[in-house]
Amino acid sequence: MHMPLIMTFAAMASTALAADSTGSRPVLFSCDNGITLSVLFAKDHADVTLADGTVVSLPQQIAASGYWYSNGRYELRGKGDEAKFAIGRMAPSTCKAN
């Protein structure tokens, strides 16, 4: 009896999550080393704004699961609201979406 209502709610929730991951608004991440990132996900890339205002555009890479964006120097990998962010050969920072 309540199945259509539940299915409608599930469809609305998945649409909202899809909109957030395709560039409608940035996702804020706090990392274990104290840095913060603002990530605007688009269809084929992610624009990462660092705490100092630097914006880095990272092309999407093929990931076995989750997401992976990299331009060779900067890398953002994750699944759900958890991510790893690395610059060059530095150890990656563990980050969580706020």
Protein backbone atom coordinates (compact mmCIF):
# COMPACT_ATOMS: atom_id res chain seq x y z
CA MET A 1 0.00 0.00 0.00
CA HIS A 2 2.82 2.44 0.82
CA MET A 3 5.16 1.09 -1.85
CA PRO A 4 4.60 3.91 -4.41
CA LEU A 5 5.41 6.53 -1.76
CA ILE A 6 8.62 4.72 -0.78
CA MET A 7 9.65 4.32 -4.41
CA THR A 8 8.96 8.01 -5.08
CA PHE A 9 11.06 9.03 -2.07
CA ALA A 10 13.92 6.75 -3.19
CA ALA A 11 13.82 8.25 -6.69
CA MET A 12 13.88 11.79 -5.26
CA ALA A 13 16.81 10.95 -2.97
CA SER A 14 18.86 9.40 -5.77
CA THR A 15 18.14 12.41 -8.01
CA ALA A 16 19.34 14.78 -5.28
CA LEU A 17 22.54 12.79 -4.76
CA ALA A 18 23.18 12.68 -8.50
CA ALA A 19 22.75 16.46 -8.73
CA ASP A 20 25.29 17.00 -5.94
CA SER A 21 27.86 14.82 -7.68
CA THR A 22 27.50 16.44 -11.10
CA GLY A 23 28.48 19.99 -10.30
CA SER A 24 25.39 21.67 -8.91
CA ARG A 25 27.23 22.61 -5.70
CA PRO A 26 30.67 21.91 -4.23
CA VAL A 27 31.29 19.16 -1.70
CA LEU A 28 33.43 20.26 1.26
CA PHE A 29 36.04 17.83 2.60
CA SER A 30 38.00 18.09 5.87
CA CYS A 31 41.27 16.17 5.88
CA ASP A 32 43.24 14.59 8.73
CA ASN A 33 46.22 16.89 8.14
CA GLY A 34 44.09 20.00 8.65
CA ILE A 35 43.54 20.96 5.01
CA THR A 36 40.10 21.58 3.58
CA LEU A 37 39.00 20.99 0.02
CA SER A 38 36.00 22.19 -1.94
CA VAL A 39 35.25 19.79 -4.79
CA LEU A 40 32.90 20.54 -7.65
CA PHE A 41 32.17 17.25 -9.43
CA ALA A 42 31.33 17.44 -13.13
CA LYS A 43 30.59 14.73 -15.68
CA ASP A 44 34.21 14.04 -16.67
CA HIS A 45 36.32 15.99 -14.19
CA ALA A 46 36.44 17.47 -10.69
CA ASP A 47 37.48 21.03 -9.86
CA VAL A 48 39.27 21.03 -6.50
CA THR A 49 39.66 24.33 -4.67
CA LEU A 50 42.43 24.26 -2.09
CA ALA A 51 42.41 26.31 1.13
CA ASP A 52 44.65 28.98 -0.46
CA GLY A 53 42.16 29.49 -3.30
CA THR A 54 44.08 27.51 -5.93
CA VAL A 55 41.71 25.66 -8.26
CA VAL A 56 42.94 22.44 -9.85
CA SER A 57 40.93 20.66 -12.54
CA LEU A 58 41.36 16.89 -12.36
CA PRO A 59 40.25 14.67 -15.27
CA GLN A 60 38.24 11.59 -14.32
CA GLN A 61 40.15 8.29 -14.41
CA ILE A 62 38.83 4.75 -14.66
CA ALA A 63 38.27 3.38 -11.14
CA ALA A 64 37.41 -0.17 -10.15
CA SER A 65 34.92 1.26 -7.64
CA GLY A 66 34.25 4.69 -6.23
CA TYR A 67 35.79 7.70 -7.96
CA TRP A 68 39.28 8.70 -9.10
CA TYR A 69 40.41 12.04 -10.50
CA SER A 70 44.01 12.87 -11.34
CA ASN A 71 46.12 15.14 -13.50
CA GLY A 72 49.38 13.37 -12.65
CA ARG A 73 50.40 15.78 -9.87
CA TYR A 74 47.14 16.03 -7.89
CA GLU A 75 44.93 13.04 -7.15
CA LEU A 76 41.54 12.58 -5.49
CA ARG A 77 40.29 9.02 -4.89
CA GLY A 78 37.35 7.95 -2.84
CA LYS A 79 34.10 6.19 -2.27
CA GLY A 80 31.03 7.73 -0.73
CA ASP A 81 31.92 10.55 1.65
CA GLU A 82 35.52 9.40 2.25
CA ALA A 83 38.46 10.34 0.04
CA LYS A 84 42.24 10.40 -0.21
CA PHE A 85 43.89 13.53 -1.60
CA ALA A 86 47.53 13.52 -2.68
CA ILE A 87 49.94 16.04 -4.15
CA GLY A 88 52.93 14.61 -5.99
CA ARG A 89 54.80 11.99 -4.00
CA MET A 90 53.46 13.14 -0.64
CA ALA A 91 51.52 10.60 1.40
CA PRO A 92 47.79 11.02 0.72
CA SER A 93 45.59 12.80 3.25
CA THR A 94 42.47 11.05 4.47
CA CYS A 95 39.45 13.30 4.00
CA LYS A 96 35.76 13.15 4.87
CA ALA A 97 32.90 15.11 3.33
CA ASN A 98 31.24 17.52 5.76
